Amino acid sequence: MKIGDKVSVVDEDLSGVITSVKGNIVVFKDEYGFTHQYPKEKLVPKDADLYENIRIIKKAEPQKVVSKKHQKNHMVLDLHFHHLVKNPSDYDSFERLFMQKAKLMEVLNFCRKHHLKRLEIVHGIGDGILQRMVMDVLESQSDIDFYNKEILHHQSGAVMIEFH
């Protein structure tokens, strides 16, 4: 440290320019013109050039693992038949409804087993047979609340379920 160097005081919001050095004691003048005396070990050089050649390595933020139980996104079950099988034309209407009901029961059991909080069931808007079957199954279940996703119930193609 020499006269004219800029310094900053450790653990204090104080800095200035060195005016004199007497042994271990450094005298500096702050931006308001006041003089201060500190031992050398309490001062740090304030030189931007010291940091120019230092390479900065940015580390990636670690991803926080969120369990399925606490996920913000809810599970969605689409009961449209072409999503359930490869060749929908190979099945008659009774088989379709039976398979859709089996899939609904399987997903409800999965949600309970894995302690999921919400499930959205997409049944679509059609002649209402699938919608009626879904409502019948949900009414027979315990420890759930369900409501139509849209305000107009007859235009809703989905039901939201909340498990207790």
N, C-alpha and C. Protein backbone atom coordinates (compact mmCIF):
# COMPACT_ATOMS: atom_id res chain seq x y z
N MET A 1 0.85 -1.17 0.00
CA MET A 1 0.00 0.00 0.00
C MET A 1 0.90 1.24 0.00
N LYS A 2 0.54 2.16 -0.92
CA LYS A 2 1.34 3.38 -1.04
C LYS A 2 0.42 4.58 -1.19
N ILE A 3 0.96 5.75 -1.07
CA ILE A 3 0.18 6.98 -1.17
C ILE A 3 -0.45 7.06 -2.56
N GLY A 4 -1.75 7.41 -2.57
CA GLY A 4 -2.50 7.52 -3.82
C GLY A 4 -3.33 6.29 -4.14
N ASP A 5 -3.08 5.15 -3.47
CA ASP A 5 -3.89 3.94 -3.68
C ASP A 5 -5.27 4.11 -3.06
N LYS A 6 -6.26 3.49 -3.68
CA LYS A 6 -7.61 3.48 -3.12
C LYS A 6 -7.75 2.25 -2.23
N VAL A 7 -8.35 2.44 -1.05
CA VAL A 7 -8.55 1.34 -0.10
C VAL A 7 -9.97 1.37 0.44
N SER A 8 -10.35 0.22 0.97
CA SER A 8 -11.65 0.07 1.60
C SER A 8 -11.44 -0.62 2.93
N VAL A 9 -12.26 -0.26 3.94
CA VAL A 9 -12.13 -0.83 5.27
C VAL A 9 -12.94 -2.12 5.35
N VAL A 10 -12.33 -3.17 5.93
CA VAL A 10 -13.00 -4.45 6.10
C VAL A 10 -14.13 -4.29 7.12
N ASP A 11 -15.31 -4.85 6.82
CA ASP A 11 -16.48 -4.85 7.70
C ASP A 11 -17.05 -3.47 7.97
N GLU A 12 -16.73 -2.48 7.16
CA GLU A 12 -17.32 -1.14 7.29
C GLU A 12 -17.54 -0.58 5.90
N ASP A 13 -18.52 0.30 5.78
CA ASP A 13 -18.80 0.94 4.50
C ASP A 13 -18.01 2.24 4.43
N LEU A 14 -16.70 2.10 4.27
CA LEU A 14 -15.80 3.25 4.31
C LEU A 14 -14.65 3.00 3.35
N SER A 15 -14.36 3.98 2.51
CA SER A 15 -13.25 3.85 1.58
C SER A 15 -12.66 5.23 1.30
N GLY A 16 -11.47 5.22 0.71
CA GLY A 16 -10.84 6.49 0.40
C GLY A 16 -9.48 6.30 -0.25
N VAL A 17 -8.69 7.41 -0.32
CA VAL A 17 -7.38 7.41 -0.96
C VAL A 17 -6.31 7.60 0.12
N ILE A 18 -5.27 6.76 0.08
CA ILE A 18 -4.20 6.81 1.09
C ILE A 18 -3.45 8.14 0.97
N THR A 19 -3.27 8.81 2.15
CA THR A 19 -2.51 10.06 2.18
C THR A 19 -1.15 9.86 2.83
N SER A 20 -1.05 8.89 3.77
CA SER A 20 0.26 8.61 4.37
C SER A 20 0.27 7.22 4.97
N VAL A 21 1.49 6.63 5.06
CA VAL A 21 1.68 5.32 5.67
C VAL A 21 2.79 5.46 6.69
N LYS A 22 2.50 5.13 7.99
CA LYS A 22 3.49 5.21 9.06
C LYS A 22 3.57 3.85 9.73
N GLY A 23 4.49 3.02 9.27
CA GLY A 23 4.64 1.68 9.84
C GLY A 23 3.45 0.82 9.46
N ASN A 24 2.70 0.39 10.50
CA ASN A 24 1.53 -0.46 10.30
C ASN A 24 0.25 0.37 10.15
N ILE A 25 0.31 1.67 10.44
CA ILE A 25 -0.87 2.54 10.41
C ILE A 25 -0.94 3.25 9.06
N VAL A 26 -2.14 3.18 8.46
CA VAL A 26 -2.39 3.83 7.17
C VAL A 26 -3.41 4.94 7.39
N VAL A 27 -3.13 6.11 6.85
CA VAL A 27 -4.05 7.24 6.94
C VAL A 27 -4.62 7.46 5.54
N PHE A 28 -5.96 7.57 5.47
CA PHE A 28 -6.59 7.83 4.16
C PHE A 28 -7.69 8.86 4.31
N LYS A 29 -8.02 9.49 3.19
CA LYS A 29 -9.04 10.53 3.16
C LYS A 29 -10.24 9.98 2.39
N ASP A 30 -11.45 10.08 3.00
CA ASP A 30 -12.65 9.57 2.34
C ASP A 30 -13.19 10.59 1.34
N GLU A 31 -14.31 10.25 0.70
CA GLU A 31 -14.87 11.11 -0.35
C GLU A 31 -15.37 12.45 0.18
N TYR A 32 -15.59 12.57 1.48
CA TYR A 32 -16.07 13.82 2.07
C TYR A 32 -14.94 14.69 2.62
N GLY A 33 -13.71 14.19 2.53
CA GLY A 33 -12.56 14.96 2.99
C GLY A 33 -12.12 14.65 4.41
N PHE A 34 -12.76 13.72 5.09
CA PHE A 34 -12.37 13.33 6.44
C PHE A 34 -11.21 12.34 6.37
N THR A 35 -10.29 12.43 7.35
CA THR A 35 -9.17 11.49 7.41
C THR A 35 -9.44 10.42 8.43
N HIS A 36 -8.95 9.22 8.14
CA HIS A 36 -9.16 8.05 9.01
C HIS A 36 -7.84 7.30 9.13
N GLN A 37 -7.63 6.67 10.29
CA GLN A 37 -6.42 5.87 10.53
C GLN A 37 -6.85 4.44 10.84
N TYR A 38 -6.21 3.50 10.15
CA TYR A 38 -6.49 2.08 10.38
C TYR A 38 -5.21 1.29 10.23
N PRO A 39 -5.09 0.15 10.95
CA PRO A 39 -3.95 -0.74 10.71
C PRO A 39 -4.09 -1.38 9.33
N LYS A 40 -2.96 -1.77 8.74
CA LYS A 40 -2.96 -2.33 7.37
C LYS A 40 -3.86 -3.56 7.23
N GLU A 41 -3.91 -4.40 8.28
CA GLU A 41 -4.71 -5.63 8.17
C GLU A 41 -6.21 -5.38 8.13
N LYS A 42 -6.66 -4.15 8.45
CA LYS A 42 -8.09 -3.80 8.38
C LYS A 42 -8.47 -3.19 7.03
N LEU A 43 -7.49 -3.02 6.13
CA LEU A 43 -7.74 -2.38 4.84
C LEU A 43 -7.56 -3.36 3.68
N VAL A 44 -8.31 -3.11 2.63
CA VAL A 44 -8.25 -3.93 1.42
C VAL A 44 -8.05 -2.99 0.24
N PRO A 45 -7.11 -3.32 -0.67
CA PRO A 45 -6.94 -2.47 -1.85
C PRO A 45 -8.21 -2.46 -2.70
N LYS A 46 -8.56 -1.31 -3.20
CA LYS A 46 -9.76 -1.17 -4.03
C LYS A 46 -9.28 -0.88 -5.45
N ASP A 47 -8.95 -1.98 -6.17
CA ASP A 47 -8.37 -1.84 -7.49
C ASP A 47 -9.10 -2.78 -8.44
N ALA A 48 -9.81 -2.22 -9.40
CA ALA A 48 -10.59 -3.04 -10.34
C ALA A 48 -9.69 -3.91 -11.21
N ASP A 49 -8.45 -3.48 -11.45
CA ASP A 49 -7.54 -4.24 -12.30
C ASP A 49 -7.18 -5.60 -11.69
N LEU A 50 -7.29 -5.72 -10.36
CA LEU A 50 -6.97 -6.99 -9.71
C LEU A 50 -7.90 -8.12 -10.20
N TYR A 51 -9.11 -7.75 -10.59
CA TYR A 51 -10.12 -8.75 -10.92
C TYR A 51 -10.33 -8.94 -12.42
N GLU A 52 -9.60 -8.21 -13.26
CA GLU A 52 -9.82 -8.30 -14.70
C GLU A 52 -9.46 -9.65 -15.27
N ASN A 53 -8.36 -10.24 -14.84
CA ASN A 53 -7.89 -11.49 -15.43
C ASN A 53 -8.43 -12.74 -14.76
N ILE A 54 -9.31 -12.58 -13.81
CA ILE A 54 -9.89 -13.74 -13.13
C ILE A 54 -11.07 -14.26 -13.95
N ARG A 55 -11.04 -15.55 -14.26
CA ARG A 55 -12.10 -16.17 -15.04
C ARG A 55 -13.29 -16.49 -14.13
N ILE A 56 -14.46 -16.15 -14.57
CA ILE A 56 -15.67 -16.41 -13.79
C ILE A 56 -16.34 -17.65 -14.36
N ILE A 57 -16.63 -18.59 -13.48
CA ILE A 57 -17.29 -19.83 -13.89
C ILE A 57 -18.71 -19.80 -13.32
N LYS A 58 -19.68 -19.84 -14.22
CA LYS A 58 -21.07 -19.87 -13.79
C LYS A 58 -21.52 -21.31 -13.67
N LYS A 59 -22.02 -21.66 -12.51
CA LYS A 59 -22.50 -23.02 -12.28
C LYS A 59 -24.00 -23.06 -12.51
N ALA A 60 -24.46 -24.17 -13.02
CA ALA A 60 -25.88 -24.35 -13.25
C ALA A 60 -26.59 -24.52 -11.92
N GLU A 61 -27.76 -23.93 -11.83
CA GLU A 61 -28.56 -24.08 -10.62
C GLU A 61 -29.05 -25.53 -10.52
N PRO A 62 -28.93 -26.14 -9.35
CA PRO A 62 -29.44 -27.51 -9.22
C PRO A 62 -30.97 -27.52 -9.29
N GLN A 63 -31.51 -28.51 -9.98
CA GLN A 63 -32.94 -28.63 -10.10
C GLN A 63 -33.51 -29.23 -8.83
N LYS A 64 -34.53 -28.60 -8.31
CA LYS A 64 -35.17 -29.08 -7.10
C LYS A 64 -36.11 -30.23 -7.48
N VAL A 65 -35.97 -31.35 -6.81
CA VAL A 65 -36.80 -32.51 -7.09
C VAL A 65 -38.13 -32.34 -6.36
N VAL A 66 -39.21 -32.42 -7.12
CA VAL A 66 -40.55 -32.27 -6.55
C VAL A 66 -41.28 -33.60 -6.71
N SER A 67 -41.82 -34.10 -5.62
CA SER A 67 -42.53 -35.38 -5.69
C SER A 67 -43.83 -35.21 -6.46
N LYS A 68 -44.37 -36.31 -6.94
CA LYS A 68 -45.64 -36.27 -7.67
C LYS A 68 -46.75 -35.70 -6.79
N LYS A 69 -46.66 -35.97 -5.52
CA LYS A 69 -47.69 -35.52 -4.59
C LYS A 69 -47.76 -34.00 -4.53
N HIS A 70 -46.61 -33.33 -4.67
CA HIS A 70 -46.57 -31.89 -4.52
C HIS A 70 -46.42 -31.14 -5.83
N GLN A 71 -46.57 -31.82 -6.94
CA GLN A 71 -46.47 -31.15 -8.22
C GLN A 71 -47.64 -30.19 -8.40
N LYS A 72 -47.34 -29.08 -9.04
CA LYS A 72 -48.39 -28.09 -9.30
C LYS A 72 -49.30 -28.57 -10.43
N ASN A 73 -48.74 -29.27 -11.40
CA ASN A 73 -49.54 -29.76 -12.52
C ASN A 73 -50.30 -31.00 -12.09
N HIS A 74 -51.55 -31.06 -12.48
CA HIS A 74 -52.35 -32.23 -12.13
C HIS A 74 -52.28 -33.26 -13.25
N MET A 75 -52.64 -34.47 -12.93
CA MET A 75 -52.64 -35.55 -13.91
C MET A 75 -53.89 -35.41 -14.79
N VAL A 76 -53.76 -35.74 -16.08
CA VAL A 76 -54.88 -35.64 -17.01
C VAL A 76 -55.11 -37.02 -17.63
N LEU A 77 -56.37 -37.47 -17.58
CA LEU A 77 -56.78 -38.73 -18.21
C LEU A 77 -57.73 -38.39 -19.35
N ASP A 78 -57.33 -38.67 -20.57
CA ASP A 78 -58.19 -38.44 -21.74
C ASP A 78 -58.86 -39.77 -22.10
N LEU A 79 -60.18 -39.81 -21.95
CA LEU A 79 -60.92 -41.04 -22.20
C LEU A 79 -61.39 -41.18 -23.65
N HIS A 80 -60.97 -40.31 -24.55
CA HIS A 80 -61.31 -40.49 -25.95
C HIS A 80 -60.71 -41.83 -26.39
N PHE A 81 -61.52 -42.64 -27.04
CA PHE A 81 -61.15 -44.03 -27.28
C PHE A 81 -59.92 -44.18 -28.16
N HIS A 82 -59.72 -43.26 -29.11
CA HIS A 82 -58.56 -43.39 -29.99
C HIS A 82 -57.24 -43.15 -29.25
N HIS A 83 -57.31 -42.60 -28.01
CA HIS A 83 -56.10 -42.46 -27.18
C HIS A 83 -55.81 -43.74 -26.38
N LEU A 84 -56.80 -44.60 -26.25
CA LEU A 84 -56.65 -45.80 -25.41
C LEU A 84 -56.19 -47.03 -26.20
N VAL A 85 -56.58 -47.14 -27.47
CA VAL A 85 -56.22 -48.31 -28.28
C VAL A 85 -55.68 -47.88 -29.64
N LYS A 86 -55.04 -48.82 -30.34
CA LYS A 86 -54.45 -48.50 -31.65
C LYS A 86 -55.50 -48.52 -32.77
N ASN A 87 -56.39 -49.47 -32.75
CA ASN A 87 -57.41 -49.60 -33.81
C ASN A 87 -58.81 -49.47 -33.20
N PRO A 88 -59.31 -48.25 -33.03
CA PRO A 88 -60.62 -48.08 -32.38
C PRO A 88 -61.78 -48.70 -33.17
N SER A 89 -61.63 -48.85 -34.47
CA SER A 89 -62.74 -49.39 -35.27
C SER A 89 -62.95 -50.89 -35.04
N ASP A 90 -62.01 -51.55 -34.37
CA ASP A 90 -62.12 -52.99 -34.12
C ASP A 90 -63.07 -53.31 -32.95
N TYR A 91 -63.57 -52.30 -32.26
CA TYR A 91 -64.38 -52.52 -31.06
C TYR A 91 -65.78 -51.97 -31.27
N ASP A 92 -66.78 -52.68 -30.69
CA ASP A 92 -68.14 -52.13 -30.74
C ASP A 92 -68.36 -51.18 -29.57
N SER A 93 -69.49 -50.52 -29.55
CA SER A 93 -69.73 -49.44 -28.57
C SER A 93 -69.72 -49.96 -27.13
N PHE A 94 -70.25 -51.18 -26.88
CA PHE A 94 -70.24 -51.71 -25.52
C PHE A 94 -68.82 -51.97 -25.04
N GLU A 95 -67.98 -52.57 -25.93
CA GLU A 95 -66.58 -52.82 -25.56
C GLU A 95 -65.84 -51.52 -25.29
N ARG A 96 -66.11 -50.52 -26.09
CA ARG A 96 -65.46 -49.22 -25.89
C ARG A 96 -65.78 -48.67 -24.51
N LEU A 97 -67.05 -48.63 -24.17
CA LEU A 97 -67.48 -48.07 -22.88
C LEU A 97 -66.90 -48.90 -21.73
N PHE A 98 -66.87 -50.21 -21.87
CA PHE A 98 -66.33 -51.09 -20.84
C PHE A 98 -64.84 -50.81 -20.63
N MET A 99 -64.08 -50.65 -21.72
CA MET A 99 -62.64 -50.38 -21.62
C MET A 99 -62.38 -48.98 -21.04
N GLN A 100 -63.21 -48.02 -21.40
CA GLN A 100 -63.05 -46.67 -20.85
C GLN A 100 -63.32 -46.66 -19.35
N LYS A 101 -64.31 -47.42 -18.92
CA LYS A 101 -64.61 -47.50 -17.49
C LYS A 101 -63.47 -48.20 -16.75
N ALA A 102 -62.92 -49.25 -17.33
CA ALA A 102 -61.80 -49.96 -16.71
C ALA A 102 -60.60 -49.04 -16.58
N LYS A 103 -60.33 -48.26 -17.61
CA LYS A 103 -59.20 -47.31 -17.58
C LYS A 103 -59.43 -46.25 -16.50
N LEU A 104 -60.66 -45.76 -16.39
CA LEU A 104 -61.00 -44.76 -15.36
C LEU A 104 -60.76 -45.32 -13.97
N MET A 105 -61.22 -46.53 -13.72
CA MET A 105 -61.03 -47.15 -12.40
C MET A 105 -59.55 -47.37 -12.11
N GLU A 106 -58.79 -47.79 -13.13
CA GLU A 106 -57.35 -48.02 -12.97
C GLU A 106 -56.63 -46.72 -12.59
N VAL A 107 -56.97 -45.63 -13.24
CA VAL A 107 -56.32 -44.34 -12.96
C VAL A 107 -56.74 -43.82 -11.59
N LEU A 108 -57.99 -43.99 -11.21
CA LEU A 108 -58.43 -43.56 -9.87
C LEU A 108 -57.64 -44.31 -8.79
N ASN A 109 -57.46 -45.62 -8.98
CA ASN A 109 -56.69 -46.41 -8.02
C ASN A 109 -55.22 -45.98 -7.99
N PHE A 110 -54.67 -45.68 -9.17
CA PHE A 110 -53.28 -45.20 -9.26
C PHE A 110 -53.12 -43.89 -8.47
N CYS A 111 -54.06 -42.97 -8.65
CA CYS A 111 -53.99 -41.68 -7.94
C CYS A 111 -54.06 -41.88 -6.43
N ARG A 112 -54.92 -42.75 -5.99
CA ARG A 112 -55.01 -43.00 -4.55
C ARG A 112 -53.74 -43.65 -4.02
N LYS A 113 -53.21 -44.61 -4.76
CA LYS A 113 -52.01 -45.33 -4.33
C LYS A 113 -50.82 -44.38 -4.22
N HIS A 114 -50.71 -43.44 -5.15
CA HIS A 114 -49.57 -42.52 -5.18
C HIS A 114 -49.87 -41.18 -4.53
N HIS A 115 -51.00 -41.07 -3.85
CA HIS A 115 -51.38 -39.88 -3.07
C HIS A 115 -51.40 -38.60 -3.91
N LEU A 116 -51.89 -38.72 -5.15
CA LEU A 116 -52.04 -37.53 -5.98
C LEU A 116 -53.24 -36.74 -5.50
N LYS A 117 -53.18 -35.44 -5.63
CA LYS A 117 -54.24 -34.57 -5.10
C LYS A 117 -55.32 -34.27 -6.12
N ARG A 118 -54.93 -34.13 -7.41
CA ARG A 118 -55.91 -33.72 -8.41
C ARG A 118 -55.78 -34.57 -9.68
N LEU A 119 -56.92 -34.77 -10.32
CA LEU A 119 -56.98 -35.51 -11.58
C LEU A 119 -58.02 -34.84 -12.46
N GLU A 120 -57.68 -34.63 -13.72
CA GLU A 120 -58.64 -34.10 -14.68
C GLU A 120 -59.01 -35.23 -15.63
N ILE A 121 -60.30 -35.46 -15.78
CA ILE A 121 -60.79 -36.49 -16.69
C ILE A 121 -61.43 -35.79 -17.88
N VAL A 122 -60.90 -36.06 -19.06
CA VAL A 122 -61.45 -35.48 -20.29
C VAL A 122 -62.32 -36.55 -20.93
N HIS A 123 -63.64 -36.28 -20.99
CA HIS A 123 -64.56 -37.24 -21.60
C HIS A 123 -65.13 -36.70 -22.91
N GLY A 124 -64.99 -35.42 -23.16
CA GLY A 124 -65.46 -34.83 -24.41
C GLY A 124 -66.95 -34.52 -24.37
N ILE A 125 -67.38 -33.84 -25.43
CA ILE A 125 -68.80 -33.48 -25.57
C ILE A 125 -69.34 -34.30 -26.72
N GLY A 126 -70.24 -35.17 -26.42
CA GLY A 126 -70.84 -36.02 -27.47
C GLY A 126 -72.30 -36.21 -27.14
N ASP A 127 -72.75 -37.45 -27.29
CA ASP A 127 -74.15 -37.73 -26.96
C ASP A 127 -74.37 -37.91 -25.46
N GLY A 128 -73.30 -37.87 -24.65
CA GLY A 128 -73.44 -37.86 -23.19
C GLY A 128 -73.33 -39.20 -22.52
N ILE A 129 -73.16 -40.29 -23.26
CA ILE A 129 -73.11 -41.62 -22.66
C ILE A 129 -71.84 -41.79 -21.84
N LEU A 130 -70.69 -41.40 -22.40
CA LEU A 130 -69.42 -41.47 -21.67
C LEU A 130 -69.43 -40.52 -20.47
N GLN A 131 -69.98 -39.34 -20.67
CA GLN A 131 -70.06 -38.37 -19.57
C GLN A 131 -70.91 -38.94 -18.43
N ARG A 132 -72.02 -39.57 -18.75
CA ARG A 132 -72.90 -40.15 -17.73
C ARG A 132 -72.19 -41.29 -17.00
N MET A 133 -71.45 -42.12 -17.74
CA MET A 133 -70.71 -43.23 -17.13
C MET A 133 -69.65 -42.68 -16.17
N VAL A 134 -68.94 -41.64 -16.59
CA VAL A 134 -67.92 -41.02 -15.72
C VAL A 134 -68.57 -40.49 -14.44
N MET A 135 -69.70 -39.81 -14.59
CA MET A 135 -70.39 -39.26 -13.40
C MET A 135 -70.88 -40.37 -12.48
N ASP A 136 -71.39 -41.44 -13.05
CA ASP A 136 -71.85 -42.58 -12.23
C ASP A 136 -70.70 -43.19 -11.43
N VAL A 137 -69.55 -43.35 -12.09
CA VAL A 137 -68.38 -43.91 -11.40
C VAL A 137 -67.92 -42.97 -10.28
N LEU A 138 -67.84 -41.68 -10.58
CA LEU A 138 -67.36 -40.71 -9.57
C LEU A 138 -68.32 -40.61 -8.39
N GLU A 139 -69.62 -40.69 -8.65
CA GLU A 139 -70.60 -40.63 -7.56
C GLU A 139 -70.52 -41.85 -6.65
N SER A 140 -70.02 -42.96 -7.19
CA SER A 140 -69.90 -44.17 -6.38
C SER A 140 -68.61 -44.19 -5.55
N GLN A 141 -67.71 -43.26 -5.80
CA GLN A 141 -66.42 -43.22 -5.10
C GLN A 141 -66.54 -42.42 -3.80
N SER A 142 -65.69 -42.77 -2.82
CA SER A 142 -65.66 -42.00 -1.57
C SER A 142 -64.36 -41.21 -1.50
N ASP A 143 -64.32 -40.22 -0.66
CA ASP A 143 -63.15 -39.37 -0.40
C ASP A 143 -62.68 -38.59 -1.62
N ILE A 144 -63.62 -38.18 -2.47
CA ILE A 144 -63.25 -37.31 -3.59
C ILE A 144 -64.30 -36.21 -3.73
N ASP A 145 -63.88 -35.08 -4.27
CA ASP A 145 -64.79 -34.03 -4.71
C ASP A 145 -64.56 -33.88 -6.20
N PHE A 146 -65.62 -33.64 -6.95
CA PHE A 146 -65.46 -33.45 -8.39
C PHE A 146 -66.40 -32.36 -8.86
N TYR A 147 -65.97 -31.67 -9.90
CA TYR A 147 -66.77 -30.59 -10.47
C TYR A 147 -66.40 -30.44 -11.94
N ASN A 148 -67.35 -29.91 -12.69
CA ASN A 148 -67.08 -29.66 -14.11
C ASN A 148 -66.07 -28.54 -14.23
N LYS A 149 -65.19 -28.68 -15.19
CA LYS A 149 -64.11 -27.71 -15.33
C LYS A 149 -64.63 -26.38 -15.86
N GLU A 150 -65.65 -26.40 -16.68
CA GLU A 150 -66.20 -25.17 -17.27
C GLU A 150 -67.40 -24.71 -16.46
N ILE A 151 -67.75 -23.45 -16.62
CA ILE A 151 -68.90 -22.89 -15.89
C ILE A 151 -70.20 -23.49 -16.40
N LEU A 152 -70.33 -23.62 -17.71
CA LEU A 152 -71.53 -24.20 -18.29
C LEU A 152 -71.38 -25.72 -18.32
N HIS A 153 -72.08 -26.40 -17.42
CA HIS A 153 -71.89 -27.85 -17.24
C HIS A 153 -72.17 -28.64 -18.51
N HIS A 154 -73.21 -28.26 -19.26
CA HIS A 154 -73.56 -29.04 -20.44
C HIS A 154 -72.56 -28.86 -21.57
N GLN A 155 -71.70 -27.84 -21.49
CA GLN A 155 -70.68 -27.63 -22.53
C GLN A 155 -69.31 -28.11 -22.08
N SER A 156 -69.23 -28.63 -20.88
CA SER A 156 -67.93 -29.06 -20.35
C SER A 156 -67.56 -30.43 -20.90
N GLY A 157 -66.33 -30.56 -21.31
CA GLY A 157 -65.84 -31.85 -21.79
C GLY A 157 -64.88 -32.47 -20.82
N ALA A 158 -64.80 -31.90 -19.59
CA ALA A 158 -63.83 -32.40 -18.61
C ALA A 158 -64.39 -32.27 -17.20
N VAL A 159 -63.88 -33.11 -16.31
CA VAL A 159 -64.24 -33.09 -14.89
C VAL A 159 -62.95 -33.03 -14.08
N MET A 160 -62.92 -32.18 -13.08
CA MET A 160 -61.76 -32.07 -12.19
C MET A 160 -62.09 -32.82 -10.90
N ILE A 161 -61.16 -33.67 -10.45
CA ILE A 161 -61.35 -34.45 -9.23
C ILE A 161 -60.28 -34.04 -8.23
N GLU A 162 -60.69 -33.86 -6.98
CA GLU A 162 -59.75 -33.60 -5.90
C GLU A 162 -59.89 -34.72 -4.87
N PHE A 163 -58.77 -35.35 -4.57
CA PHE A 163 -58.76 -36.47 -3.62
C PHE A 163 -58.54 -35.92 -2.21
N HIS A 164 -59.15 -36.57 -1.22
CA HIS A 164 -58.95 -36.19 0.19
C HIS A 164 -57.88 -37.03 0.82
